[in-house]
N, C-alpha and C. Protein backbone atom coordinates (compact mmCIF):
# COMPACT_ATOMS: atom_id res chain seq x y z
N UNK A 1 166.77 -53.10 60.10
CA UNK A 1 166.19 -53.63 58.86
C UNK A 1 166.81 -52.90 57.68
N UNK A 2 167.35 -53.65 56.72
CA UNK A 2 168.03 -53.06 55.57
C UNK A 2 167.00 -52.51 54.58
N UNK A 3 167.31 -51.31 54.06
CA UNK A 3 166.46 -50.76 53.03
C UNK A 3 166.84 -51.37 51.69
N UNK A 4 165.82 -51.60 50.86
CA UNK A 4 166.08 -52.14 49.54
C UNK A 4 166.58 -51.02 48.63
N UNK A 5 167.62 -51.34 47.85
CA UNK A 5 168.15 -50.37 46.91
C UNK A 5 167.48 -50.57 45.56
N UNK A 6 167.33 -49.47 44.79
CA UNK A 6 166.79 -49.62 43.45
C UNK A 6 167.69 -50.51 42.60
N UNK A 7 167.12 -51.05 41.55
CA UNK A 7 167.84 -51.94 40.65
C UNK A 7 167.82 -51.34 39.26
N UNK A 8 168.99 -51.29 38.60
CA UNK A 8 169.06 -50.81 37.23
C UNK A 8 168.60 -51.92 36.31
N UNK A 9 167.64 -51.62 35.45
CA UNK A 9 167.02 -52.61 34.58
C UNK A 9 167.41 -52.31 33.13
N UNK A 10 167.77 -53.35 32.38
CA UNK A 10 168.10 -53.18 30.98
C UNK A 10 166.85 -52.94 30.17
N UNK A 11 167.03 -52.65 28.88
CA UNK A 11 165.89 -52.38 28.01
C UNK A 11 164.95 -53.57 27.91
N UNK A 12 165.47 -54.77 28.07
CA UNK A 12 164.66 -55.97 27.94
C UNK A 12 164.19 -56.52 29.27
N UNK A 13 164.34 -55.74 30.34
CA UNK A 13 163.78 -56.11 31.62
C UNK A 13 164.68 -56.97 32.48
N UNK A 14 165.93 -57.18 32.09
CA UNK A 14 166.84 -58.01 32.88
C UNK A 14 167.51 -57.18 33.97
N UNK A 15 167.58 -57.72 35.18
CA UNK A 15 168.27 -57.04 36.27
C UNK A 15 169.77 -57.06 36.02
N UNK A 16 170.42 -55.89 36.15
CA UNK A 16 171.85 -55.82 35.91
C UNK A 16 172.64 -55.67 37.21
N UNK A 17 172.27 -54.74 38.09
CA UNK A 17 172.94 -54.63 39.37
C UNK A 17 172.16 -53.70 40.27
N UNK A 18 172.41 -53.83 41.58
CA UNK A 18 171.83 -52.92 42.55
C UNK A 18 172.60 -51.61 42.55
N UNK A 19 171.94 -50.56 42.96
CA UNK A 19 172.56 -49.25 43.04
C UNK A 19 172.94 -48.93 44.47
N UNK A 20 174.11 -48.33 44.63
CA UNK A 20 174.56 -47.90 45.94
C UNK A 20 173.82 -46.63 46.35
N UNK A 21 173.87 -46.26 47.65
CA UNK A 21 173.25 -44.99 48.07
C UNK A 21 173.78 -43.80 47.29
N UNK A 22 175.08 -43.80 46.98
CA UNK A 22 175.66 -42.72 46.18
C UNK A 22 174.97 -42.62 44.83
N UNK A 23 174.75 -43.79 44.19
CA UNK A 23 174.12 -43.79 42.87
C UNK A 23 172.64 -43.44 42.96
N UNK A 24 171.99 -43.79 44.05
CA UNK A 24 170.58 -43.44 44.21
C UNK A 24 170.41 -41.93 44.17
N UNK A 25 171.29 -41.22 44.88
CA UNK A 25 171.23 -39.77 44.88
C UNK A 25 171.51 -39.23 43.48
N UNK A 26 172.48 -39.84 42.80
CA UNK A 26 172.82 -39.41 41.45
C UNK A 26 171.64 -39.60 40.50
N UNK A 27 170.92 -40.74 40.66
CA UNK A 27 169.84 -41.05 39.73
C UNK A 27 168.63 -40.14 39.91
N UNK A 28 168.56 -39.40 40.99
CA UNK A 28 167.49 -38.43 41.13
C UNK A 28 167.58 -37.36 40.05
N UNK A 29 168.79 -37.12 39.54
CA UNK A 29 169.00 -36.11 38.51
C UNK A 29 169.46 -36.75 37.20
N UNK A 30 169.26 -38.02 37.06
CA UNK A 30 169.70 -38.76 35.89
C UNK A 30 168.69 -38.55 34.76
N UNK A 31 169.15 -38.19 33.56
CA UNK A 31 168.20 -37.87 32.51
C UNK A 31 168.59 -38.40 31.14
N UNK A 32 169.67 -39.11 30.98
CA UNK A 32 170.06 -39.60 29.67
C UNK A 32 170.05 -41.12 29.65
N UNK A 33 170.00 -41.68 28.45
CA UNK A 33 169.99 -43.12 28.28
C UNK A 33 171.34 -43.71 28.71
N UNK A 34 171.37 -44.75 29.56
CA UNK A 34 172.66 -45.39 29.90
C UNK A 34 173.36 -45.88 28.64
N UNK A 35 174.65 -45.62 28.56
CA UNK A 35 175.43 -46.01 27.37
C UNK A 35 176.29 -47.22 27.71
N UNK A 36 175.99 -48.40 27.13
CA UNK A 36 176.78 -49.61 27.45
C UNK A 36 178.10 -49.64 26.70
N UNK A 37 179.10 -50.25 27.32
CA UNK A 37 180.40 -50.42 26.70
C UNK A 37 181.34 -51.15 27.64
N UNK A 38 182.51 -51.52 27.14
CA UNK A 38 183.48 -52.28 27.93
C UNK A 38 184.58 -51.33 28.42
N UNK A 39 184.48 -50.92 29.69
CA UNK A 39 185.48 -50.04 30.29
C UNK A 39 186.55 -50.86 30.99
N UNK A 40 186.15 -51.95 31.64
CA UNK A 40 187.08 -52.83 32.35
C UNK A 40 187.54 -53.97 31.45
N UNK A 41 188.40 -54.83 32.00
CA UNK A 41 188.94 -55.96 31.24
C UNK A 41 188.16 -57.26 31.47
N UNK A 42 187.05 -57.22 32.23
CA UNK A 42 186.35 -58.46 32.57
C UNK A 42 185.31 -58.88 31.55
N UNK A 43 185.21 -58.13 30.44
CA UNK A 43 184.25 -58.44 29.37
C UNK A 43 182.81 -58.48 29.87
N UNK A 44 182.54 -57.74 30.91
CA UNK A 44 181.17 -57.50 31.37
C UNK A 44 180.81 -56.07 31.02
N UNK A 45 179.63 -55.87 30.48
CA UNK A 45 179.23 -54.55 30.05
C UNK A 45 179.20 -53.56 31.22
N UNK A 46 179.84 -52.43 31.03
CA UNK A 46 179.77 -51.32 31.96
C UNK A 46 178.87 -50.25 31.34
N UNK A 47 178.57 -49.19 32.11
CA UNK A 47 177.62 -48.21 31.63
C UNK A 47 178.08 -46.80 31.97
N UNK A 48 178.01 -45.92 30.95
CA UNK A 48 178.22 -44.50 31.19
C UNK A 48 176.87 -43.85 31.44
N UNK A 49 176.79 -43.10 32.54
CA UNK A 49 175.57 -42.41 32.93
C UNK A 49 175.86 -40.92 33.01
N UNK A 50 174.84 -40.12 32.76
CA UNK A 50 175.00 -38.68 32.83
C UNK A 50 173.85 -38.08 33.63
N UNK A 51 174.17 -37.15 34.50
CA UNK A 51 173.14 -36.54 35.32
C UNK A 51 173.42 -35.09 35.59
N UNK A 52 172.37 -34.34 35.82
CA UNK A 52 172.51 -32.92 36.12
C UNK A 52 173.10 -32.75 37.51
N UNK A 53 174.05 -31.83 37.63
CA UNK A 53 174.69 -31.55 38.92
C UNK A 53 174.76 -30.04 39.06
N UNK A 54 173.84 -29.46 39.80
CA UNK A 54 173.74 -28.01 39.84
C UNK A 54 172.98 -27.50 38.63
N UNK A 55 173.04 -26.20 38.42
CA UNK A 55 172.27 -25.59 37.34
C UNK A 55 172.90 -25.77 35.97
N UNK A 56 174.22 -25.71 35.88
CA UNK A 56 174.88 -25.74 34.57
C UNK A 56 176.04 -26.73 34.53
N UNK A 57 175.95 -27.80 35.29
CA UNK A 57 177.00 -28.81 35.30
C UNK A 57 176.42 -30.18 35.02
N UNK A 58 177.25 -31.02 34.42
CA UNK A 58 176.87 -32.39 34.13
C UNK A 58 177.86 -33.33 34.80
N UNK A 59 177.34 -34.30 35.52
CA UNK A 59 178.17 -35.33 36.15
C UNK A 59 178.17 -36.54 35.23
N UNK A 60 179.37 -36.96 34.81
CA UNK A 60 179.51 -38.13 33.95
C UNK A 60 180.10 -39.25 34.78
N UNK A 61 179.48 -40.42 34.71
CA UNK A 61 179.83 -41.53 35.60
C UNK A 61 179.91 -42.81 34.77
N UNK A 62 180.98 -43.60 34.96
CA UNK A 62 181.05 -44.95 34.39
C UNK A 62 180.89 -45.93 35.53
N UNK A 63 179.90 -46.82 35.39
CA UNK A 63 179.55 -47.76 36.45
C UNK A 63 179.98 -49.16 36.05
N UNK A 64 180.62 -49.86 36.98
CA UNK A 64 181.05 -51.24 36.75
C UNK A 64 179.83 -52.14 36.57
N UNK A 65 179.86 -52.97 35.51
CA UNK A 65 178.70 -53.82 35.20
C UNK A 65 178.48 -54.95 36.17
N UNK A 66 179.49 -55.35 36.93
CA UNK A 66 179.34 -56.44 37.89
C UNK A 66 178.90 -55.92 39.26
N UNK A 67 179.59 -54.92 39.75
CA UNK A 67 179.36 -54.46 41.12
C UNK A 67 178.38 -53.30 41.22
N UNK A 68 178.22 -52.55 40.13
CA UNK A 68 177.40 -51.36 40.19
C UNK A 68 178.11 -50.17 40.81
N UNK A 69 179.40 -50.29 41.08
CA UNK A 69 180.17 -49.21 41.69
C UNK A 69 180.79 -48.31 40.62
N UNK A 70 180.93 -47.03 40.90
CA UNK A 70 181.56 -46.13 39.92
C UNK A 70 183.04 -46.43 39.77
N UNK A 71 183.51 -46.49 38.53
CA UNK A 71 184.93 -46.71 38.25
C UNK A 71 185.57 -45.47 37.62
N UNK A 72 184.76 -44.52 37.21
CA UNK A 72 185.27 -43.26 36.65
C UNK A 72 184.17 -42.22 36.77
N UNK A 73 184.52 -41.01 37.15
CA UNK A 73 183.52 -39.94 37.17
C UNK A 73 184.21 -38.60 37.01
N UNK A 74 183.49 -37.66 36.45
CA UNK A 74 184.02 -36.33 36.24
C UNK A 74 182.85 -35.36 36.08
N UNK A 75 183.10 -34.10 36.34
CA UNK A 75 182.06 -33.08 36.23
C UNK A 75 182.51 -31.99 35.27
N UNK A 76 181.61 -31.61 34.35
CA UNK A 76 181.92 -30.57 33.37
C UNK A 76 180.73 -29.63 33.22
N UNK A 77 180.98 -28.38 32.82
CA UNK A 77 179.87 -27.49 32.52
C UNK A 77 179.04 -28.05 31.36
N UNK A 78 177.74 -27.73 31.36
CA UNK A 78 176.87 -28.24 30.31
C UNK A 78 175.74 -27.26 30.09
N UNK A 79 175.58 -26.81 28.84
CA UNK A 79 174.59 -25.78 28.52
C UNK A 79 173.69 -26.21 27.36
N UNK A 80 173.48 -27.49 27.20
CA UNK A 80 172.57 -27.99 26.18
C UNK A 80 171.45 -28.79 26.83
N UNK A 81 170.46 -29.14 26.03
CA UNK A 81 169.45 -30.05 26.50
C UNK A 81 170.01 -31.48 26.44
N UNK A 82 169.15 -32.45 26.68
CA UNK A 82 169.57 -33.84 26.73
C UNK A 82 170.38 -34.25 25.50
N UNK A 83 171.51 -34.89 25.74
CA UNK A 83 172.35 -35.42 24.67
C UNK A 83 172.96 -36.73 25.16
N UNK A 84 172.56 -37.84 24.59
CA UNK A 84 173.01 -39.15 25.06
C UNK A 84 174.46 -39.42 24.65
N UNK A 85 175.16 -40.15 25.50
CA UNK A 85 176.52 -40.59 25.17
C UNK A 85 176.46 -41.73 24.16
N UNK A 86 177.57 -41.96 23.48
CA UNK A 86 177.72 -43.06 22.53
C UNK A 86 178.98 -43.83 22.87
N UNK A 87 179.05 -45.09 22.45
CA UNK A 87 180.27 -45.87 22.62
C UNK A 87 180.54 -46.65 21.36
N UNK A 88 181.81 -47.00 21.16
CA UNK A 88 182.19 -47.82 20.01
C UNK A 88 183.29 -48.76 20.46
N UNK A 89 183.22 -50.00 20.00
CA UNK A 89 184.15 -51.05 20.42
C UNK A 89 185.42 -51.01 19.58
N UNK A 90 186.56 -51.22 20.24
CA UNK A 90 187.84 -51.28 19.55
C UNK A 90 188.26 -52.74 19.37
N UNK A 91 189.29 -52.93 18.55
CA UNK A 91 189.75 -54.29 18.24
C UNK A 91 190.28 -55.01 19.47
N UNK A 92 190.74 -54.28 20.48
CA UNK A 92 191.25 -54.90 21.70
C UNK A 92 190.15 -55.15 22.74
N UNK A 93 188.88 -55.09 22.28
CA UNK A 93 187.72 -55.45 23.10
C UNK A 93 187.46 -54.47 24.24
N UNK A 94 187.88 -53.24 24.05
CA UNK A 94 187.50 -52.17 24.96
C UNK A 94 186.67 -51.15 24.18
N UNK A 95 185.91 -50.36 24.90
CA UNK A 95 185.07 -49.35 24.25
C UNK A 95 185.59 -47.96 24.56
N UNK A 96 185.48 -47.09 23.58
CA UNK A 96 185.68 -45.67 23.83
C UNK A 96 184.29 -45.04 23.96
N UNK A 97 184.18 -44.05 24.82
CA UNK A 97 182.90 -43.40 25.09
C UNK A 97 182.98 -41.94 24.60
N UNK A 98 181.90 -41.50 23.95
CA UNK A 98 181.85 -40.14 23.43
C UNK A 98 180.65 -39.40 24.03
N UNK A 99 180.87 -38.15 24.42
CA UNK A 99 179.79 -37.38 25.01
C UNK A 99 180.06 -35.89 24.79
N UNK A 100 179.00 -35.09 24.88
CA UNK A 100 179.09 -33.64 24.70
C UNK A 100 179.11 -32.93 26.05
N UNK A 101 179.90 -31.88 26.13
CA UNK A 101 179.93 -31.02 27.32
C UNK A 101 180.62 -29.72 26.94
N UNK A 102 180.64 -28.80 27.87
CA UNK A 102 181.37 -27.55 27.67
C UNK A 102 182.71 -27.60 28.38
N UNK A 103 183.58 -26.73 28.00
CA UNK A 103 184.93 -26.73 28.55
C UNK A 103 184.97 -26.01 29.88
N UNK A 104 185.76 -26.53 30.80
CA UNK A 104 185.97 -25.83 32.06
C UNK A 104 186.78 -24.56 31.81
N UNK A 105 186.32 -23.46 32.41
CA UNK A 105 186.99 -22.18 32.24
C UNK A 105 187.19 -21.50 33.58
N UNK A 106 188.11 -20.56 33.59
CA UNK A 106 188.30 -19.76 34.78
C UNK A 106 187.08 -18.86 34.98
N UNK A 107 186.90 -18.37 36.18
CA UNK A 107 185.77 -17.50 36.47
C UNK A 107 185.79 -16.25 35.60
N UNK A 108 186.97 -15.71 35.35
CA UNK A 108 187.08 -14.50 34.53
C UNK A 108 186.62 -14.76 33.11
N UNK A 109 187.07 -15.86 32.51
CA UNK A 109 186.68 -16.18 31.14
C UNK A 109 185.20 -16.50 31.03
N UNK A 110 184.66 -17.16 32.07
CA UNK A 110 183.25 -17.56 32.02
C UNK A 110 182.32 -16.36 32.03
N UNK A 111 182.81 -15.19 32.50
CA UNK A 111 181.98 -13.98 32.54
C UNK A 111 182.06 -13.19 31.24
N UNK A 112 182.98 -13.54 30.34
CA UNK A 112 183.10 -12.83 29.08
C UNK A 112 181.93 -13.18 28.17
N UNK A 113 181.33 -12.16 27.49
CA UNK A 113 180.22 -12.45 26.56
C UNK A 113 180.74 -13.10 25.28
N UNK A 114 180.46 -14.35 25.10
CA UNK A 114 180.89 -15.08 23.91
C UNK A 114 179.96 -16.25 23.69
N UNK A 115 179.85 -16.74 22.44
CA UNK A 115 178.99 -17.92 22.18
C UNK A 115 179.49 -19.14 22.95
N UNK A 116 178.57 -19.91 23.46
CA UNK A 116 178.96 -21.14 24.16
C UNK A 116 179.40 -22.17 23.13
N UNK A 117 180.55 -22.78 23.40
CA UNK A 117 181.10 -23.80 22.49
C UNK A 117 180.90 -25.16 23.14
N UNK A 118 180.22 -26.04 22.43
CA UNK A 118 179.98 -27.40 22.90
C UNK A 118 181.04 -28.32 22.31
N UNK A 119 181.67 -29.13 23.17
CA UNK A 119 182.79 -29.98 22.76
C UNK A 119 182.38 -31.44 22.76
N UNK A 120 182.86 -32.17 21.75
CA UNK A 120 182.69 -33.61 21.70
C UNK A 120 183.93 -34.26 22.31
N UNK A 121 183.76 -34.90 23.46
CA UNK A 121 184.88 -35.52 24.17
C UNK A 121 184.86 -37.04 23.99
N UNK A 122 186.06 -37.61 23.94
CA UNK A 122 186.23 -39.06 23.87
C UNK A 122 187.01 -39.52 25.10
N UNK A 123 186.48 -40.55 25.76
CA UNK A 123 187.15 -41.17 26.90
C UNK A 123 187.63 -42.55 26.52
N UNK A 124 188.95 -42.76 26.61
CA UNK A 124 189.54 -44.08 26.34
C UNK A 124 189.86 -44.73 27.69
N UNK A 125 189.36 -45.96 27.94
CA UNK A 125 189.55 -46.56 29.27
C UNK A 125 191.01 -46.83 29.64
N UNK A 126 191.89 -46.92 28.65
CA UNK A 126 193.31 -47.11 28.96
C UNK A 126 193.93 -45.84 29.53
N UNK A 127 193.32 -44.69 29.24
CA UNK A 127 193.84 -43.40 29.69
C UNK A 127 192.72 -42.62 30.37
N UNK A 128 192.32 -43.05 31.56
CA UNK A 128 191.18 -42.40 32.23
C UNK A 128 191.47 -41.02 32.78
N UNK A 129 192.72 -40.58 32.75
CA UNK A 129 193.06 -39.27 33.31
C UNK A 129 193.13 -38.18 32.25
N UNK A 130 192.63 -38.47 31.05
CA UNK A 130 192.63 -37.47 29.99
C UNK A 130 191.41 -37.67 29.11
N UNK A 131 190.83 -36.57 28.66
CA UNK A 131 189.79 -36.60 27.64
C UNK A 131 190.38 -36.10 26.34
N UNK A 132 189.84 -36.58 25.23
CA UNK A 132 190.26 -36.13 23.91
C UNK A 132 189.14 -35.29 23.31
N UNK A 133 189.45 -34.05 23.04
CA UNK A 133 188.48 -33.12 22.44
C UNK A 133 188.55 -33.30 20.93
N UNK A 134 187.49 -33.88 20.35
CA UNK A 134 187.52 -34.24 18.93
C UNK A 134 186.95 -33.16 18.03
N UNK A 135 185.95 -32.45 18.50
CA UNK A 135 185.26 -31.49 17.65
C UNK A 135 184.47 -30.53 18.53
N UNK A 136 183.94 -29.48 17.91
CA UNK A 136 183.11 -28.54 18.69
C UNK A 136 182.12 -27.83 17.78
N UNK A 137 181.11 -27.27 18.39
CA UNK A 137 180.09 -26.52 17.66
C UNK A 137 179.45 -25.51 18.61
N UNK A 138 178.93 -24.43 18.05
CA UNK A 138 178.18 -23.47 18.85
C UNK A 138 176.68 -23.73 18.78
N UNK A 139 176.27 -24.62 17.87
CA UNK A 139 174.84 -24.95 17.73
C UNK A 139 174.47 -26.08 18.68
N UNK A 140 173.26 -26.09 19.20
CA UNK A 140 172.82 -27.20 20.06
C UNK A 140 172.78 -28.52 19.30
N UNK A 141 173.27 -29.58 19.94
CA UNK A 141 173.22 -30.92 19.36
C UNK A 141 171.89 -31.56 19.76
N UNK A 142 171.11 -32.01 18.77
CA UNK A 142 169.80 -32.58 19.07
C UNK A 142 169.76 -34.09 18.85
N UNK A 143 170.77 -34.65 18.17
CA UNK A 143 170.81 -36.11 17.96
C UNK A 143 172.22 -36.51 17.54
N UNK A 144 172.57 -37.75 17.82
CA UNK A 144 173.88 -38.27 17.41
C UNK A 144 173.79 -39.78 17.26
N UNK A 145 174.74 -40.34 16.51
CA UNK A 145 174.77 -41.79 16.30
C UNK A 145 176.17 -42.19 15.88
N UNK A 146 176.46 -43.49 16.02
CA UNK A 146 177.75 -44.05 15.65
C UNK A 146 177.55 -45.09 14.55
N UNK A 147 178.46 -45.09 13.57
CA UNK A 147 178.47 -46.10 12.52
C UNK A 147 179.86 -46.69 12.37
N UNK A 148 179.95 -47.84 11.70
CA UNK A 148 181.22 -48.56 11.53
C UNK A 148 181.51 -48.76 10.04
N UNK A 149 182.75 -48.50 9.64
CA UNK A 149 183.25 -48.88 8.32
C UNK A 149 184.07 -50.14 8.50
N UNK A 150 183.49 -51.30 8.20
CA UNK A 150 184.14 -52.59 8.47
C UNK A 150 185.44 -52.76 7.69
N UNK A 151 185.49 -52.29 6.46
CA UNK A 151 186.68 -52.49 5.63
C UNK A 151 187.87 -51.72 6.18
N UNK A 152 187.64 -50.50 6.61
CA UNK A 152 188.72 -49.66 7.10
C UNK A 152 188.92 -49.76 8.61
N UNK A 153 188.08 -50.56 9.26
CA UNK A 153 188.14 -50.68 10.73
C UNK A 153 188.10 -49.29 11.37
N UNK A 154 187.20 -48.47 10.86
CA UNK A 154 187.04 -47.11 11.35
C UNK A 154 185.60 -46.91 11.80
N UNK A 155 185.39 -45.87 12.57
CA UNK A 155 184.05 -45.51 13.02
C UNK A 155 183.78 -44.07 12.62
N UNK A 156 182.51 -43.75 12.43
CA UNK A 156 182.14 -42.37 12.13
C UNK A 156 181.02 -41.94 13.07
N UNK A 157 181.08 -40.68 13.44
CA UNK A 157 180.15 -40.10 14.40
C UNK A 157 179.26 -39.11 13.66
N UNK A 158 177.95 -39.34 13.72
CA UNK A 158 176.99 -38.48 13.04
C UNK A 158 176.38 -37.52 14.07
N UNK A 159 176.39 -36.24 13.75
CA UNK A 159 175.83 -35.22 14.63
C UNK A 159 174.75 -34.44 13.89
N UNK A 160 173.62 -34.25 14.55
CA UNK A 160 172.56 -33.38 14.02
C UNK A 160 172.46 -32.17 14.95
N UNK A 161 172.66 -30.98 14.38
CA UNK A 161 172.57 -29.74 15.15
C UNK A 161 171.46 -28.87 14.58
N UNK A 162 170.98 -27.96 15.41
CA UNK A 162 169.96 -27.01 14.97
C UNK A 162 170.46 -25.60 15.27
N UNK A 163 170.61 -24.80 14.23
CA UNK A 163 171.07 -23.43 14.42
C UNK A 163 169.95 -22.56 14.95
N UNK A 164 170.24 -21.68 15.89
CA UNK A 164 169.18 -20.84 16.45
C UNK A 164 168.68 -19.81 15.44
N UNK A 165 167.37 -19.56 15.45
CA UNK A 165 166.76 -18.56 14.57
C UNK A 165 165.80 -17.72 15.40
N UNK A 166 164.99 -16.94 14.73
CA UNK A 166 164.03 -16.12 15.43
C UNK A 166 162.94 -16.98 16.05
N UNK A 167 162.15 -16.39 16.93
CA UNK A 167 161.15 -17.13 17.69
C UNK A 167 160.11 -17.78 16.81
N UNK A 168 159.78 -17.18 15.66
CA UNK A 168 158.69 -17.66 14.82
C UNK A 168 159.17 -18.48 13.62
N UNK A 169 160.46 -18.79 13.56
CA UNK A 169 160.98 -19.59 12.46
C UNK A 169 161.72 -20.81 13.00
N UNK A 170 161.55 -21.95 12.33
CA UNK A 170 162.27 -23.15 12.78
C UNK A 170 163.76 -23.02 12.49
N UNK A 171 164.57 -23.64 13.35
CA UNK A 171 166.00 -23.61 13.14
C UNK A 171 166.42 -24.47 11.97
N UNK A 172 167.59 -24.19 11.42
CA UNK A 172 168.12 -24.94 10.29
C UNK A 172 168.86 -26.16 10.82
N UNK A 173 168.49 -27.36 10.32
CA UNK A 173 169.15 -28.59 10.74
C UNK A 173 170.39 -28.84 9.90
N UNK A 174 171.46 -29.25 10.56
CA UNK A 174 172.71 -29.60 9.88
C UNK A 174 173.13 -30.99 10.32
N UNK A 175 173.59 -31.79 9.38
CA UNK A 175 174.07 -33.15 9.66
C UNK A 175 175.55 -33.21 9.31
N UNK A 176 176.36 -33.66 10.25
CA UNK A 176 177.80 -33.74 10.04
C UNK A 176 178.30 -35.15 10.34
N UNK A 177 179.31 -35.54 9.59
CA UNK A 177 179.92 -36.87 9.76
C UNK A 177 181.39 -36.68 10.10
N UNK A 178 181.83 -37.32 11.19
CA UNK A 178 183.21 -37.21 11.65
C UNK A 178 183.84 -38.59 11.72
N UNK A 179 184.91 -38.81 10.95
CA UNK A 179 185.66 -40.07 11.03
C UNK A 179 186.53 -40.04 12.27
N UNK A 180 186.35 -41.05 13.13
CA UNK A 180 187.01 -41.00 14.44
C UNK A 180 188.52 -41.16 14.35
N UNK A 181 189.01 -42.09 13.54
CA UNK A 181 190.46 -42.27 13.45
C UNK A 181 191.13 -41.02 12.89
N UNK A 182 190.52 -40.42 11.90
CA UNK A 182 191.05 -39.17 11.34
C UNK A 182 191.05 -38.07 12.39
N UNK A 183 189.95 -37.94 13.11
CA UNK A 183 189.85 -36.89 14.13
C UNK A 183 190.87 -37.10 15.25
N UNK A 184 191.05 -38.35 15.67
CA UNK A 184 191.98 -38.63 16.75
C UNK A 184 193.42 -38.27 16.37
N UNK A 185 193.80 -38.50 15.12
CA UNK A 185 195.19 -38.30 14.71
C UNK A 185 195.48 -36.89 14.21
N UNK A 186 194.48 -36.18 13.72
CA UNK A 186 194.76 -34.91 13.07
C UNK A 186 194.26 -33.68 13.84
N UNK A 187 193.20 -33.80 14.61
CA UNK A 187 192.66 -32.60 15.22
C UNK A 187 192.28 -32.75 16.69
N UNK A 188 192.52 -33.92 17.28
CA UNK A 188 192.14 -34.09 18.68
C UNK A 188 193.07 -33.29 19.59
N UNK A 189 192.53 -32.86 20.69
CA UNK A 189 193.29 -32.08 21.68
C UNK A 189 193.19 -32.78 23.03
N UNK A 190 194.34 -32.99 23.67
CA UNK A 190 194.36 -33.63 24.98
C UNK A 190 193.84 -32.67 26.04
N UNK A 191 192.93 -33.16 26.88
CA UNK A 191 192.42 -32.36 27.99
C UNK A 191 192.69 -33.13 29.28
N UNK A 192 193.82 -32.88 29.94
CA UNK A 192 194.13 -33.59 31.20
C UNK A 192 193.12 -33.25 32.28
N UNK A 193 192.73 -34.24 33.04
CA UNK A 193 191.81 -34.04 34.15
C UNK A 193 192.65 -33.82 35.40
N UNK A 194 192.71 -32.60 35.86
CA UNK A 194 193.66 -32.22 36.90
C UNK A 194 193.45 -32.94 38.22
N UNK A 195 192.20 -33.34 38.48
CA UNK A 195 191.94 -33.97 39.78
C UNK A 195 191.94 -35.49 39.68
N UNK A 196 192.60 -36.02 38.65
CA UNK A 196 192.71 -37.47 38.51
C UNK A 196 194.17 -37.89 38.60
N UNK A 197 194.39 -39.17 38.75
CA UNK A 197 195.73 -39.72 38.88
C UNK A 197 195.71 -41.10 38.20
N UNK A 198 196.71 -41.56 37.50
CA UNK A 198 198.05 -40.99 37.40
C UNK A 198 198.18 -39.98 36.26
N UNK A 199 199.40 -39.41 36.14
CA UNK A 199 199.69 -38.48 35.06
C UNK A 199 199.69 -39.22 33.73
N UNK A 200 199.25 -38.51 32.68
CA UNK A 200 199.14 -39.15 31.39
C UNK A 200 200.50 -39.23 30.70
N UNK A 201 200.77 -40.35 30.05
CA UNK A 201 201.95 -40.52 29.21
C UNK A 201 201.54 -40.18 27.78
N UNK A 202 201.87 -38.98 27.32
CA UNK A 202 201.38 -38.51 26.03
C UNK A 202 201.96 -39.32 24.87
N UNK A 203 203.21 -39.76 25.00
CA UNK A 203 203.79 -40.59 23.95
C UNK A 203 203.05 -41.91 23.79
N UNK A 204 202.74 -42.55 24.92
CA UNK A 204 201.99 -43.80 24.88
C UNK A 204 200.58 -43.57 24.36
N UNK A 205 199.98 -42.47 24.73
CA UNK A 205 198.63 -42.15 24.25
C UNK A 205 198.63 -42.03 22.73
N UNK A 206 199.57 -41.29 22.18
CA UNK A 206 199.62 -41.12 20.73
C UNK A 206 199.93 -42.44 20.01
N UNK A 207 200.74 -43.28 20.62
CA UNK A 207 201.05 -44.59 20.03
C UNK A 207 199.78 -45.44 19.95
N UNK A 208 199.00 -45.45 21.03
CA UNK A 208 197.75 -46.21 21.05
C UNK A 208 196.78 -45.67 20.00
N UNK A 209 196.65 -44.36 19.93
CA UNK A 209 195.70 -43.75 19.00
C UNK A 209 196.07 -44.02 17.55
N UNK A 210 197.38 -44.09 17.25
CA UNK A 210 197.81 -44.32 15.87
C UNK A 210 197.47 -45.74 15.40
N UNK A 211 197.24 -46.65 16.34
CA UNK A 211 196.96 -48.04 15.99
C UNK A 211 195.51 -48.45 16.24
N UNK A 212 194.70 -47.53 16.71
CA UNK A 212 193.34 -47.89 17.10
C UNK A 212 192.52 -48.33 15.90
N UNK A 213 191.73 -49.38 16.11
CA UNK A 213 190.82 -49.88 15.08
C UNK A 213 189.47 -50.15 15.73
N UNK A 214 188.42 -49.82 15.02
CA UNK A 214 187.07 -49.97 15.55
C UNK A 214 186.36 -51.12 14.84
N UNK A 215 185.55 -51.84 15.60
CA UNK A 215 184.79 -52.96 15.05
C UNK A 215 183.34 -52.84 15.46
N UNK A 216 182.49 -53.62 14.80
CA UNK A 216 181.07 -53.57 15.06
C UNK A 216 180.76 -54.18 16.42
N UNK A 217 179.86 -53.55 17.13
CA UNK A 217 179.42 -54.03 18.44
C UNK A 217 178.30 -55.03 18.20
N UNK A 218 178.66 -56.32 18.11
CA UNK A 218 177.70 -57.32 17.69
C UNK A 218 176.67 -57.66 18.76
N UNK A 219 177.05 -57.51 20.02
CA UNK A 219 176.13 -57.90 21.09
C UNK A 219 174.95 -56.95 21.16
N UNK A 220 173.74 -57.51 21.32
CA UNK A 220 172.53 -56.71 21.42
C UNK A 220 172.14 -56.53 22.87
N UNK A 221 171.48 -55.42 23.13
CA UNK A 221 171.10 -55.11 24.50
C UNK A 221 169.59 -55.24 24.63
C-alpha cells in the first residue's frame, strides 16, 4: 500500500505538487516562506526553499514547479534567524533569486575570533554553478524586500538590519537600498560552487550581467 506524500499548498490553497520522500525529510526543518520564480524555461513557477541543516548550516533548494523535484541545491553556513529569499524577474522571463548566508571557510579560519559577516547572494539560473556575492553586513538582517524601477529596467533590494546593543536597550534599525544592476557590475564577486558542474564561463557571465534588465513580476500568487 502506497503512503500518501504531503502536498505543497500555495497561499490561496491551490495544490502545486506532491513532495518526494527526500523533500519530506527536508521540510521537517523548513522554516522560511517559499520564494516563487522562474528557474526553468517552461514558464511554470518554481520555488526556492530554505531549511536548517545541522546547527549552523542552511540548505537552499530550488524545486521544479511541475514535478516537485529539486533542480538546484547547495549548503552554506548560516548564523542568523529566519530570513526569506527574494526573487526578481528579468526581461528574458527568468528569475534571479537572492538570499542571505555566511561564507564557507576553512576550519582554521572558522576558529578565528572575528565578527560574523552575512552575505547577500544572487543565483542566476543560466549560471547555476556560481553565486554572486552582492553585499555583506555584520548586523542581523530582520527584513528584506524587492522593488522595480520600470523606467530604468532595474531592481532595488531593501534590507532592514538591527545593530546589536546591550541587553536592556533596543538595537538601532538601519534601512539600506541596493540597486541590483549597479551591484552586479561594480561590486559583485563570483563564488564558484566547487561541487557543481559545469565550470563557469566568466566572460559569458559578465556579458549576461552587463545586459540584464529587470521587470515587474505581474503574476500574483
